[in-house]
PDB file of all heavy atoms in Angstrom:
ATOM      1  N   THR A   1      46.706  11.908  -5.005  1.00  0.00           N
ATOM      2  CA  THR A   1      47.421  12.486  -3.846  1.00  0.00           C
ATOM      3  C   THR A   1      48.881  12.629  -4.113  1.00  0.00           C
ATOM      4  O   THR A   1      49.465  13.712  -3.867  1.00  0.00           O
ATOM      5  CB  THR A   1      47.189  11.584  -2.617  1.00  0.00           C
ATOM      6  OG1 THR A   1      45.790  11.484  -2.335  1.00  0.00           O
ATOM      7  CG2 THR A   1      47.932  12.133  -1.412  1.00  0.00           C
ATOM      8  N   VAL A   2      49.517  11.589  -4.612  1.00  0.00           N
ATOM      9  CA  VAL A   2      50.979  11.584  -4.785  1.00  0.00           C
ATOM     10  C   VAL A   2      51.402  12.327  -6.050  1.00  0.00           C
ATOM     11  O   VAL A   2      52.418  13.060  -6.035  1.00  0.00           O
ATOM     12  CB  VAL A   2      51.516  10.134  -4.810  1.00  0.00           C
ATOM     13  CG1 VAL A   2      53.038  10.120  -4.957  1.00  0.00           C
ATOM     14  CG2 VAL A   2      51.089   9.387  -3.548  1.00  0.00           C
ATOM     15  N   TYR A   3      50.666  12.122  -7.133  1.00  0.00           N
ATOM     16  CA  TYR A   3      51.059  12.699  -8.418  1.00  0.00           C
ATOM     17  C   TYR A   3      50.006  13.685  -8.943  1.00  0.00           C
ATOM     18  O   TYR A   3      49.825  13.848 -10.139  1.00  0.00           O
ATOM     19  CB  TYR A   3      51.244  11.555  -9.443  1.00  0.00           C
ATOM     20  CG  TYR A   3      52.110  10.424  -8.961  1.00  0.00           C
ATOM     21  CD1 TYR A   3      51.535   9.207  -8.581  1.00  0.00           C
ATOM     22  CD2 TYR A   3      53.486  10.560  -8.880  1.00  0.00           C
ATOM     23  CE1 TYR A   3      52.333   8.134  -8.132  1.00  0.00           C
ATOM     24  CE2 TYR A   3      54.291   9.505  -8.457  1.00  0.00           C
ATOM     25  CZ  TYR A   3      53.707   8.300  -8.059  1.00  0.00           C
ATOM     26  OH  TYR A   3      54.487   7.261  -7.637  1.00  0.00           O
ATOM     27  N   GLY A   4      49.333  14.358  -8.029  1.00  0.00           N
ATOM     28  CA  GLY A   4      48.199  15.201  -8.379  1.00  0.00           C
ATOM     29  C   GLY A   4      48.457  16.211  -9.462  1.00  0.00           C
ATOM     30  O   GLY A   4      47.612  16.448 -10.338  1.00  0.00           O
ATOM     31  N   ASP A   5      49.642  16.817  -9.476  1.00  0.00           N
ATOM     32  CA  ASP A   5      49.966  17.874 -10.478  1.00  0.00           C
ATOM     33  C   ASP A   5      50.684  17.335 -11.688  1.00  0.00           C
ATOM     34  O   ASP A   5      51.016  18.084 -12.614  1.00  0.00           O
ATOM     35  CB  ASP A   5      50.801  18.973  -9.831  1.00  0.00           C
ATOM     36  CG  ASP A   5      50.039  19.735  -8.741  1.00  0.00           C
ATOM     37  OD1 ASP A   5      48.806  19.808  -8.865  1.00  0.00           O
ATOM     38  OD2 ASP A   5      50.707  20.182  -7.778  1.00  0.00           O
ATOM     39  N   SER A   6      50.951  16.042 -11.694  1.00  0.00           N
ATOM     40  CA  SER A   6      51.678  15.428 -12.816  1.00  0.00           C
ATOM     41  C   SER A   6      50.686  15.032 -13.921  1.00  0.00           C
ATOM     42  O   SER A   6      49.532  14.735 -13.653  1.00  0.00           O
ATOM     43  CB  SER A   6      52.437  14.182 -12.355  1.00  0.00           C
ATOM     44  OG  SER A   6      53.389  14.534 -11.366  1.00  0.00           O
ATOM     45  N   PRO A   7      51.147  15.013 -15.193  1.00  0.00           N
ATOM     46  CA  PRO A   7      50.227  14.675 -16.290  1.00  0.00           C
ATOM     47  C   PRO A   7      49.757  13.232 -16.218  1.00  0.00           C
ATOM     48  O   PRO A   7      50.567  12.323 -15.975  1.00  0.00           O
ATOM     49  CB  PRO A   7      51.074  14.942 -17.540  1.00  0.00           C
ATOM     50  CG  PRO A   7      52.485  14.855 -17.074  1.00  0.00           C
ATOM     51  CD  PRO A   7      52.494  15.332 -15.662  1.00  0.00           C
ATOM     52  N   SER A   8      48.479  13.049 -16.400  1.00  0.00           N
ATOM     53  CA  SER A   8      47.898  11.704 -16.392  1.00  0.00           C
ATOM     54  C   SER A   8      47.570  11.242 -17.812  1.00  0.00           C
ATOM     55  O   SER A   8      47.896  10.108 -18.194  1.00  0.00           O
ATOM     56  CB  SER A   8      46.621  11.685 -15.558  1.00  0.00           C
ATOM     57  OG  SER A   8      45.690  12.632 -16.033  1.00  0.00           O
ATOM     58  N   VAL A   9      46.935  12.096 -18.591  1.00  0.00           N
ATOM     59  CA  VAL A   9      46.525  11.773 -19.943  1.00  0.00           C
ATOM     60  C   VAL A   9      46.857  12.929 -20.879  1.00  0.00           C
ATOM     61  O   VAL A   9      46.555  14.080 -20.587  1.00  0.00           O
ATOM     62  CB  VAL A   9      44.996  11.488 -20.015  1.00  0.00           C
ATOM     63  CG1 VAL A   9      44.599  11.125 -21.440  1.00  0.00           C
ATOM     64  CG2 VAL A   9      44.601  10.375 -19.063  1.00  0.00           C
ATOM     65  N   ILE A  10      47.494  12.588 -21.987  1.00  0.00           N
ATOM     66  CA  ILE A  10      47.780  13.588 -23.050  1.00  0.00           C
ATOM     67  C   ILE A  10      47.187  13.055 -24.339  1.00  0.00           C
ATOM     68  O   ILE A  10      47.456  11.903 -24.754  1.00  0.00           O
ATOM     69  CB  ILE A  10      49.281  13.814 -23.199  1.00  0.00           C
ATOM     70  CG1 ILE A  10      49.887  14.387 -21.907  1.00  0.00           C
ATOM     71  CG2 ILE A  10      49.565  14.731 -24.386  1.00  0.00           C
ATOM     72  CD1 ILE A  10      51.397  14.518 -21.941  1.00  0.00           C
ATOM     73  N   TYR A  11      46.369  13.892 -24.990  1.00  0.00           N
ATOM     74  CA  TYR A  11      45.710  13.486 -26.218  1.00  0.00           C
ATOM     75  C   TYR A  11      45.493  14.715 -27.085  1.00  0.00           C
ATOM     76  O   TYR A  11      44.764  15.625 -26.686  1.00  0.00           O
ATOM     77  CB  TYR A  11      44.383  12.820 -25.888  1.00  0.00           C
ATOM     78  CG  TYR A  11      43.453  12.588 -27.067  1.00  0.00           C
ATOM     79  CD1 TYR A  11      43.720  11.625 -28.026  1.00  0.00           C
ATOM     80  CD2 TYR A  11      42.307  13.356 -27.217  1.00  0.00           C
ATOM     81  CE1 TYR A  11      42.872  11.396 -29.095  1.00  0.00           C
ATOM     82  CE2 TYR A  11      41.425  13.134 -28.291  1.00  0.00           C
ATOM     83  CZ  TYR A  11      41.723  12.163 -29.209  1.00  0.00           C
ATOM     84  OH  TYR A  11      40.856  11.960 -30.273  1.00  0.00           O
ATOM     85  N   ASP A  12      46.176  14.739 -28.228  1.00  0.00           N
ATOM     86  CA  ASP A  12      46.022  15.880 -29.120  1.00  0.00           C
ATOM     87  C   ASP A  12      46.349  17.153 -28.324  1.00  0.00           C
ATOM     88  O   ASP A  12      47.412  17.289 -27.770  1.00  0.00           O
ATOM     89  CB  ASP A  12      44.615  15.869 -29.723  1.00  0.00           C
ATOM     90  CG  ASP A  12      44.524  16.745 -30.980  1.00  0.00           C
ATOM     91  OD1 ASP A  12      45.569  17.036 -31.568  1.00  0.00           O
ATOM     92  OD2 ASP A  12      43.398  17.129 -31.349  1.00  0.00           O
ATOM     93  N   HIS A  13      45.399  18.095 -28.236  1.00  0.00           N
ATOM     94  CA  HIS A  13      45.629  19.344 -27.504  1.00  0.00           C
ATOM     95  C   HIS A  13      45.131  19.246 -26.052  1.00  0.00           C
ATOM     96  O   HIS A  13      45.223  20.212 -25.292  1.00  0.00           O
ATOM     97  CB  HIS A  13      44.899  20.496 -28.191  1.00  0.00           C
ATOM     98  CG  HIS A  13      43.400  20.321 -28.212  1.00  0.00           C
ATOM     99  ND1 HIS A  13      42.774  19.486 -29.134  1.00  0.00           N
ATOM    100  CD2 HIS A  13      42.428  20.862 -27.452  1.00  0.00           C
ATOM    101  CE1 HIS A  13      41.480  19.518 -28.926  1.00  0.00           C
ATOM    102  NE2 HIS A  13      41.226  20.349 -27.917  1.00  0.00           N
ATOM    103  N   ILE A  14      44.635  18.067 -25.638  1.00  0.00           N
ATOM    104  CA  ILE A  14      44.081  17.893 -24.304  1.00  0.00           C
ATOM    105  C   ILE A  14      45.155  17.320 -23.385  1.00  0.00           C
ATOM    106  O   ILE A  14      45.896  16.430 -23.762  1.00  0.00           O
ATOM    107  CB  ILE A  14      42.854  16.970 -24.339  1.00  0.00           C
ATOM    108  CG1 ILE A  14      41.736  17.595 -25.160  1.00  0.00           C
ATOM    109  CG2 ILE A  14      42.378  16.639 -22.945  1.00  0.00           C
ATOM    110  CD1 ILE A  14      40.565  16.657 -25.399  1.00  0.00           C
ATOM    111  N   SER A  15      45.204  17.843 -22.158  1.00  0.00           N
ATOM    112  CA  SER A  15      46.107  17.308 -21.147  1.00  0.00           C
ATOM    113  C   SER A  15      45.430  17.411 -19.776  1.00  0.00           C
ATOM    114  O   SER A  15      44.917  18.483 -19.420  1.00  0.00           O
ATOM    115  CB  SER A  15      47.423  18.077 -21.148  1.00  0.00           C
ATOM    116  OG  SER A  15      48.305  17.581 -20.151  1.00  0.00           O
ATOM    117  N   TYR A  16      45.445  16.317 -19.036  1.00  0.00           N
ATOM    118  CA  TYR A  16      44.897  16.284 -17.683  1.00  0.00           C
ATOM    119  C   TYR A  16      45.989  15.882 -16.697  1.00  0.00           C
ATOM    120  O   TYR A  16      46.945  15.207 -17.055  1.00  0.00           O
ATOM    121  CB  TYR A  16      43.744  15.271 -17.570  1.00  0.00           C
ATOM    122  CG  TYR A  16      42.523  15.610 -18.401  1.00  0.00           C
ATOM    123  CD1 TYR A  16      42.045  14.732 -19.346  1.00  0.00           C
ATOM    124  CD2 TYR A  16      41.829  16.808 -18.235  1.00  0.00           C
ATOM    125  CE1 TYR A  16      40.921  15.026 -20.124  1.00  0.00           C
ATOM    126  CE2 TYR A  16      40.718  17.123 -18.990  1.00  0.00           C
ATOM    127  CZ  TYR A  16      40.263  16.201 -19.942  1.00  0.00           C
ATOM    128  OH  TYR A  16      39.163  16.507 -20.683  1.00  0.00           O
ATOM    129  N   THR A  17      45.818  16.312 -15.450  1.00  0.00           N
ATOM    130  CA  THR A  17      46.671  15.863 -14.359  1.00  0.00           C
ATOM    131  C   THR A  17      45.939  14.720 -13.631  1.00  0.00           C
ATOM    132  O   THR A  17      44.765  14.478 -13.855  1.00  0.00           O
ATOM    133  CB  THR A  17      46.951  16.994 -13.370  1.00  0.00           C
ATOM    134  OG1 THR A  17      45.711  17.383 -12.750  1.00  0.00           O
ATOM    135  CG2 THR A  17      47.588  18.177 -14.058  1.00  0.00           C
ATOM    136  N   TRP A  18      46.649  14.073 -12.723  1.00  0.00           N
ATOM    137  CA  TRP A  18      46.040  12.953 -11.993  1.00  0.00           C
ATOM    138  C   TRP A  18      44.932  13.430 -11.069  1.00  0.00           C
ATOM    139  O   TRP A  18      43.946  12.737 -10.867  1.00  0.00           O
ATOM    140  CB  TRP A  18      47.088  12.173 -11.213  1.00  0.00           C
ATOM    141  CG  TRP A  18      47.811  11.187 -12.099  1.00  0.00           C
ATOM    142  CD1 TRP A  18      49.111  11.233 -12.504  1.00  0.00           C
ATOM    143  CD2 TRP A  18      47.226  10.027 -12.719  1.00  0.00           C
ATOM    144  NE1 TRP A  18      49.397  10.174 -13.349  1.00  0.00           N
ATOM    145  CE2 TRP A  18      48.255   9.424 -13.487  1.00  0.00           C
ATOM    146  CE3 TRP A  18      45.984   9.453 -12.697  1.00  0.00           C
ATOM    147  CZ2 TRP A  18      48.049   8.261 -14.231  1.00  0.00           C
ATOM    148  CZ3 TRP A  18      45.772   8.290 -13.435  1.00  0.00           C
ATOM    149  CH2 TRP A  18      46.774   7.699 -14.196  1.00  0.00           C
ATOM    150  N   SER A  19      45.044  14.619 -10.523  1.00  0.00           N
ATOM    151  CA  SER A  19      43.963  15.123  -9.697  1.00  0.00           C
ATOM    152  C   SER A  19      42.721  15.420 -10.537  1.00  0.00           C
ATOM    153  O   SER A  19      41.582  15.162 -10.106  1.00  0.00           O
ATOM    154  CB  SER A  19      44.395  16.383  -8.927  1.00  0.00           C
ATOM    155  OG  SER A  19      44.754  17.417  -9.832  1.00  0.00           O
ATOM    156  N   GLN A  20      42.944  15.907 -11.775  1.00  0.00           N
ATOM    157  CA  GLN A  20      41.794  16.157 -12.653  1.00  0.00           C
ATOM    158  C   GLN A  20      41.152  14.852 -13.103  1.00  0.00           C
ATOM    159  O   GLN A  20      39.906  14.739 -13.165  1.00  0.00           O
ATOM    160  CB  GLN A  20      42.279  16.946 -13.888  1.00  0.00           C
ATOM    161  CG  GLN A  20      42.628  18.393 -13.561  1.00  0.00           C
ATOM    162  CD  GLN A  20      43.259  19.104 -14.747  1.00  0.00           C
ATOM    163  OE1 GLN A  20      44.045  18.522 -15.512  1.00  0.00           O
ATOM    164  NE2 GLN A  20      42.901  20.370 -14.937  1.00  0.00           N
ATOM    165  N   THR A  21      41.970  13.865 -13.449  1.00  0.00           N
ATOM    166  CA  THR A  21      41.408  12.570 -13.885  1.00  0.00           C
ATOM    167  C   THR A  21      40.628  11.930 -12.758  1.00  0.00           C
ATOM    168  O   THR A  21      39.523  11.367 -12.975  1.00  0.00           O
ATOM    169  CB  THR A  21      42.534  11.632 -14.343  1.00  0.00           C
ATOM    170  OG1 THR A  21      43.179  12.195 -15.511  1.00  0.00           O
ATOM    171  CG2 THR A  21      42.023  10.255 -14.667  1.00  0.00           C
ATOM    172  N   HIS A  22      41.140  12.022 -11.545  1.00  0.00           N
ATOM    173  CA  HIS A  22      40.432  11.485 -10.378  1.00  0.00           C
ATOM    174  C   HIS A  22      39.064  12.153 -10.214  1.00  0.00           C
ATOM    175  O   HIS A  22      38.028  11.478 -10.040  1.00  0.00           O
ATOM    176  CB  HIS A  22      41.282  11.683  -9.124  1.00  0.00           C
ATOM    177  CG  HIS A  22      40.638  11.176  -7.876  1.00  0.00           C
ATOM    178  ND1 HIS A  22      40.520  11.953  -6.727  1.00  0.00           N
ATOM    179  CD2 HIS A  22      40.062   9.985  -7.581  1.00  0.00           C
ATOM    180  CE1 HIS A  22      39.919  11.238  -5.791  1.00  0.00           C
ATOM    181  NE2 HIS A  22      39.622  10.044  -6.273  1.00  0.00           N
ATOM    182  N   ARG A  23      39.060  13.468 -10.301  1.00  0.00           N
ATOM    183  CA  ARG A  23      37.803  14.201 -10.145  1.00  0.00           C
ATOM    184  C   ARG A  23      36.801  13.877 -11.266  1.00  0.00           C
ATOM    185  O   ARG A  23      35.619  13.667 -11.008  1.00  0.00           O
ATOM    186  CB  ARG A  23      38.082  15.709 -10.109  1.00  0.00           C
ATOM    187  CG  ARG A  23      36.797  16.526  -9.836  1.00  0.00           C
ATOM    188  CD  ARG A  23      37.113  18.003  -9.655  1.00  0.00           C
ATOM    189  NE  ARG A  23      37.676  18.613 -10.861  1.00  0.00           N
ATOM    190  CZ  ARG A  23      38.933  18.973 -10.988  1.00  0.00           C
ATOM    191  NH1 ARG A  23      39.786  18.785  -9.997  1.00  0.00           N
ATOM    192  NH2 ARG A  23      39.365  19.520 -12.120  1.00  0.00           N
ATOM    193  N   ARG A  24      37.299  13.808 -12.488  1.00  0.00           N
ATOM    194  CA  ARG A  24      36.398  13.498 -13.632  1.00  0.00           C
ATOM    195  C   ARG A  24      35.807  12.097 -13.476  1.00  0.00           C
ATOM    196  O   ARG A  24      34.636  11.869 -13.780  1.00  0.00           O
ATOM    197  CB  ARG A  24      37.177  13.644 -14.938  1.00  0.00           C
ATOM    198  CG  ARG A  24      37.462  15.077 -15.335  1.00  0.00           C
ATOM    199  CD  ARG A  24      38.419  15.150 -16.535  1.00  0.00           C
ATOM    200  NE  ARG A  24      37.883  14.498 -17.704  1.00  0.00           N
ATOM    201  CZ  ARG A  24      37.065  15.082 -18.604  1.00  0.00           C
ATOM    202  NH1 ARG A  24      36.681  16.357 -18.404  1.00  0.00           N
ATOM    203  NH2 ARG A  24      36.630  14.415 -19.655  1.00  0.00           N
ATOM    204  N   CYS A  25      36.608  11.169 -13.018  1.00  0.00           N
ATOM    205  CA  CYS A  25      36.082   9.804 -12.834  1.00  0.00           C
ATOM    206  C   CYS A  25      35.015   9.731 -11.743  1.00  0.00           C
ATOM    207  O   CYS A  25      34.017   9.025 -11.878  1.00  0.00           O
ATOM    208  CB  CYS A  25      37.225   8.828 -12.511  1.00  0.00           C
ATOM    209  SG  CYS A  25      38.332   8.511 -13.914  1.00  0.00           S
ATOM    210  N   LEU A  26      35.219  10.477 -10.678  1.00  0.00           N
ATOM    211  CA  LEU A  26      34.206  10.522  -9.624  1.00  0.00           C
ATOM    212  C   LEU A  26      32.900  11.158 -10.124  1.00  0.00           C
ATOM    213  O   LEU A  26      31.826  10.670  -9.824  1.00  0.00           O
ATOM    214  CB  LEU A  26      34.733  11.345  -8.433  1.00  0.00           C
ATOM    215  CG  LEU A  26      35.828  10.682  -7.576  1.00  0.00           C
ATOM    216  CD1 LEU A  26      36.319  11.659  -6.510  1.00  0.00           C
ATOM    217  CD2 LEU A  26      35.318   9.415  -6.919  1.00  0.00           C
ATOM    218  N   GLN A  27      33.030  12.232 -10.906  1.00  0.00           N
ATOM    219  CA  GLN A  27      31.827  12.869 -11.434  1.00  0.00           C
ATOM    220  C   GLN A  27      31.078  11.913 -12.352  1.00  0.00           C
ATOM    221  O   GLN A  27      29.845  11.829 -12.300  1.00  0.00           O
ATOM    222  CB  GLN A  27      32.233  14.135 -12.202  1.00  0.00           C
ATOM    223  CG  GLN A  27      32.691  15.280 -11.330  1.00  0.00           C
ATOM    224  CD  GLN A  27      33.130  16.473 -12.158  1.00  0.00           C
ATOM    225  OE1 GLN A  27      34.314  16.687 -12.389  1.00  0.00           O
ATOM    226  NE2 GLN A  27      32.171  17.260 -12.636  1.00  0.00           N
ATOM    227  N   LEU A  28      31.833  11.213 -13.204  1.00  0.00           N
ATOM    228  CA  LEU A  28      31.187  10.304 -14.150  1.00  0.00           C
ATOM    229  C   LEU A  28      30.526   9.131 -13.414  1.00  0.00           C
ATOM    230  O   LEU A  28      29.409   8.720 -13.751  1.00  0.00           O
ATOM    231  CB  LEU A  28      32.211   9.792 -15.150  1.00  0.00           C
ATOM    232  CG  LEU A  28      31.657   9.029 -16.361  1.00  0.00           C
ATOM    233  CD1 LEU A  28      30.700   9.914 -17.136  1.00  0.00           C
ATOM    234  CD2 LEU A  28      32.806   8.604 -17.279  1.00  0.00           C
ATOM    235  N   ALA A  29      31.227   8.584 -12.438  1.00  0.00           N
ATOM    236  CA  ALA A  29      30.657   7.478 -11.633  1.00  0.00           C
ATOM    237  C   ALA A  29      29.380   7.949 -10.921  1.00  0.00           C
ATOM    238  O   ALA A  29      28.404   7.201 -10.850  1.00  0.00           O
ATOM    239  CB  ALA A  29      31.683   7.000 -10.597  1.00  0.00           C
ATOM    240  N   SER A  30      29.390   9.181 -10.431  1.00  0.00           N
ATOM    241  CA  SER A  30      28.223   9.726  -9.772  1.00  0.00           C
ATOM    242  C   SER A  30      27.019   9.801 -10.723  1.00  0.00           C
ATOM    243  O   SER A  30      25.904   9.396 -10.368  1.00  0.00           O
ATOM    244  CB  SER A  30      28.525  11.131  -9.242  1.00  0.00           C
ATOM    245  OG  SER A  30      27.371  11.791  -8.808  1.00  0.00           O
ATOM    246  N   SER A  31      27.286  10.270 -11.930  1.00  0.00           N
ATOM    247  CA  SER A  31      26.204  10.398 -12.921  1.00  0.00           C
ATOM    248  C   SER A  31      25.668   9.043 -13.358  1.00  0.00           C
ATOM    249  O   SER A  31      24.479   8.883 -13.595  1.00  0.00           O
ATOM    250  CB  SER A  31      26.694  11.207 -14.128  1.00  0.00           C
ATOM    251  OG  SER A  31      26.880  12.558 -13.781  1.00  0.00           O
ATOM    252  N   ILE A  32      26.560   8.061 -13.493  1.00  0.00           N
ATOM    253  CA  ILE A  32      26.121   6.704 -13.884  1.00  0.00           C
ATOM    254  C   ILE A  32      25.216   6.147 -12.785  1.00  0.00           C
ATOM    255  O   ILE A  32      24.162   5.559 -13.064  1.00  0.00           O
ATOM    256  CB  ILE A  32      27.346   5.796 -14.088  1.00  0.00           C
ATOM    257  CG1 ILE A  32      28.127   6.228 -15.337  1.00  0.00           C
ATOM    258  CG2 ILE A  32      26.908   4.333 -14.226  1.00  0.00           C
ATOM    259  CD1 ILE A  32      29.430   5.502 -15.535  1.00  0.00           C
ATOM    260  N   THR A  33      25.595   6.384 -11.541  1.00  0.00           N
ATOM    261  CA  THR A  33      24.763   5.928 -10.410  1.00  0.00           C
ATOM    262  C   THR A  33      23.415   6.616 -10.429  1.00  0.00           C
ATOM    263  O   THR A  33      22.373   5.984 -10.140  1.00  0.00           O
ATOM    264  CB  THR A  33      25.507   6.218  -9.075  1.00  0.00           C
ATOM    265  OG1 THR A  33      26.779   5.593  -9.090  1.00  0.00           O
ATOM    266  CG2 THR A  33      24.706   5.676  -7.904  1.00  0.00           C
ATOM    267  N   ASN A  34      23.383   7.891 -10.747  1.00  0.00           N
ATOM    268  CA  ASN A  34      22.115   8.639 -10.788  1.00  0.00           C
ATOM    269  C   ASN A  34      21.166   8.133 -11.864  1.00  0.00           C
ATOM    270  O   ASN A  34      19.987   8.410 -11.828  1.00  0.00           O
ATOM    271  CB  ASN A  34      22.394  10.139 -10.996  1.00  0.00           C
ATOM    272  CG  ASN A  34      23.043  10.766  -9.766  1.00  0.00           C
ATOM    273  OD1 ASN A  34      22.925  10.263  -8.656  1.00  0.00           O
ATOM    274  ND2 ASN A  34      23.734  11.886  -9.979  1.00  0.00           N
ATOM    275  N   LEU A  35      21.704   7.403 -12.831  1.00  0.00           N
ATOM    276  CA  LEU A  35      20.863   6.803 -13.866  1.00  0.00           C
ATOM    277  C   LEU A  35      20.231   5.507 -13.408  1.00  0.00           C
ATOM    278  O   LEU A  35      19.506   4.862 -14.157  1.00  0.00           O
ATOM    279  CB  LEU A  35      21.709   6.541 -15.138  1.00  0.00           C
ATOM    280  CG  LEU A  35      22.204   7.784 -15.902  1.00  0.00           C
ATOM    281  CD1 LEU A  35      23.137   7.377 -17.035  1.00  0.00           C
ATOM    282  CD2 LEU A  35      21.024   8.584 -16.455  1.00  0.00           C
ATOM    283  N   GLY A  36      20.519   5.118 -12.155  1.00  0.00           N
ATOM    284  CA  GLY A  36      19.977   3.882 -11.625  1.00  0.00           C
ATOM    285  C   GLY A  36      20.792   2.667 -11.977  1.00  0.00           C
ATOM    286  O   GLY A  36      20.320   1.520 -11.858  1.00  0.00           O
ATOM    287  N   ILE A  37      22.027   2.891 -12.370  1.00  0.00           N
ATOM    288  CA  ILE A  37      22.906   1.785 -12.763  1.00  0.00           C
ATOM    289  C   ILE A  37      23.945   1.576 -11.665  1.00  0.00           C
ATOM    290  O   ILE A  37      24.531   2.500 -11.134  1.00  0.00           O
ATOM    291  CB  ILE A  37      23.611   2.112 -14.097  1.00  0.00           C
ATOM    292  CG1 ILE A  37      22.548   2.149 -15.213  1.00  0.00           C
ATOM    293  CG2 ILE A  37      24.684   1.094 -14.418  1.00  0.00           C
ATOM    294  CD1 ILE A  37      23.079   2.702 -16.512  1.00  0.00           C
ATOM    295  N   GLY A  38      24.182   0.291 -11.333  1.00  0.00           N
ATOM    296  CA  GLY A  38      25.113  -0.028 -10.261  1.00  0.00           C
ATOM    297  C   GLY A  38      25.419  -1.507 -10.243  1.00  0.00           C
ATOM    298  O   GLY A  38      25.610  -2.130 -11.287  1.00  0.00           O
ATOM    299  N   ARG A  39      25.506  -2.067  -9.038  1.00  0.00           N
ATOM    300  CA  ARG A  39      25.912  -3.482  -8.883  1.00  0.00           C
ATOM    301  C   ARG A  39      25.019  -4.389  -9.700  1.00  0.00           C
ATOM    302  O   ARG A  39      23.783  -4.235  -9.729  1.00  0.00           O
ATOM    303  CB  ARG A  39      25.798  -3.872  -7.423  1.00  0.00           C
ATOM    304  CG  ARG A  39      26.716  -3.109  -6.474  1.00  0.00           C
ATOM    305  CD  ARG A  39      26.667  -3.704  -5.068  1.00  0.00           C
ATOM    306  NE  ARG A  39      27.239  -2.820  -4.078  1.00  0.00           N
ATOM    307  CZ  ARG A  39      28.550  -2.760  -3.796  1.00  0.00           C
ATOM    308  NH1 ARG A  39      29.384  -3.510  -4.476  1.00  0.00           N
ATOM    309  NH2 ARG A  39      28.989  -1.934  -2.853  1.00  0.00           N
ATOM    310  N   GLY A  40      25.633  -5.356 -10.341  1.00  0.00           N
ATOM    311  CA  GLY A  40      24.894  -6.326 -11.126  1.00  0.00           C
ATOM    312  C   GLY A  40      24.561  -5.887 -12.530  1.00  0.00           C
ATOM    313  O   GLY A  40      24.040  -6.684 -13.322  1.00  0.00           O
ATOM    314  N   HIS A  41      24.891  -4.639 -12.876  1.00  0.00           N
ATOM    315  CA  HIS A  41      24.627  -4.115 -14.217  1.00  0.00           C
ATOM    316  C   HIS A  41      25.893  -4.075 -15.033  1.00  0.00           C
ATOM    317  O   HIS A  41      27.007  -3.961 -14.492  1.00  0.00           O
ATOM    318  CB  HIS A  41      24.026  -2.717 -14.140  1.00  0.00           C
ATOM    319  CG  HIS A  41      22.682  -2.658 -13.497  1.00  0.00           C
ATOM    320  ND1 HIS A  41      22.226  -1.573 -12.779  1.00  0.00           N
ATOM    321  CD2 HIS A  41      21.688  -3.586 -13.442  1.00  0.00           C
ATOM    322  CE1 HIS A  41      21.025  -1.815 -12.317  1.00  0.00           C
ATOM    323  NE2 HIS A  41      20.680  -3.021 -12.698  1.00  0.00           N
ATOM    324  N   VAL A  42      25.761  -4.136 -16.342  1.00  0.00           N
ATOM    325  CA  VAL A  42      26.886  -4.075 -17.273  1.00  0.00           C
ATOM    326  C   VAL A  42      26.807  -2.746 -18.031  1.00  0.00           C
ATOM    327  O   VAL A  42      25.751  -2.355 -18.520  1.00  0.00           O
ATOM    328  CB  VAL A  42      26.888  -5.230 -18.261  1.00  0.00           C
ATOM    329  CG1 VAL A  42      27.919  -5.050 -19.356  1.00  0.00           C
ATOM    330  CG2 VAL A  42      27.135  -6.545 -17.540  1.00  0.00           C
TER     331      VAL A  42
END
């Protein structure tokens, strides 16, 4: 929200903003949950 357009991660030729990192983390968490993985799992 506060730093949405600011760079979050820079790696080689890749660069993300904080809004992009937030969205990517939500997508990944969603997919992990869809695999049946959640509380109590490592």
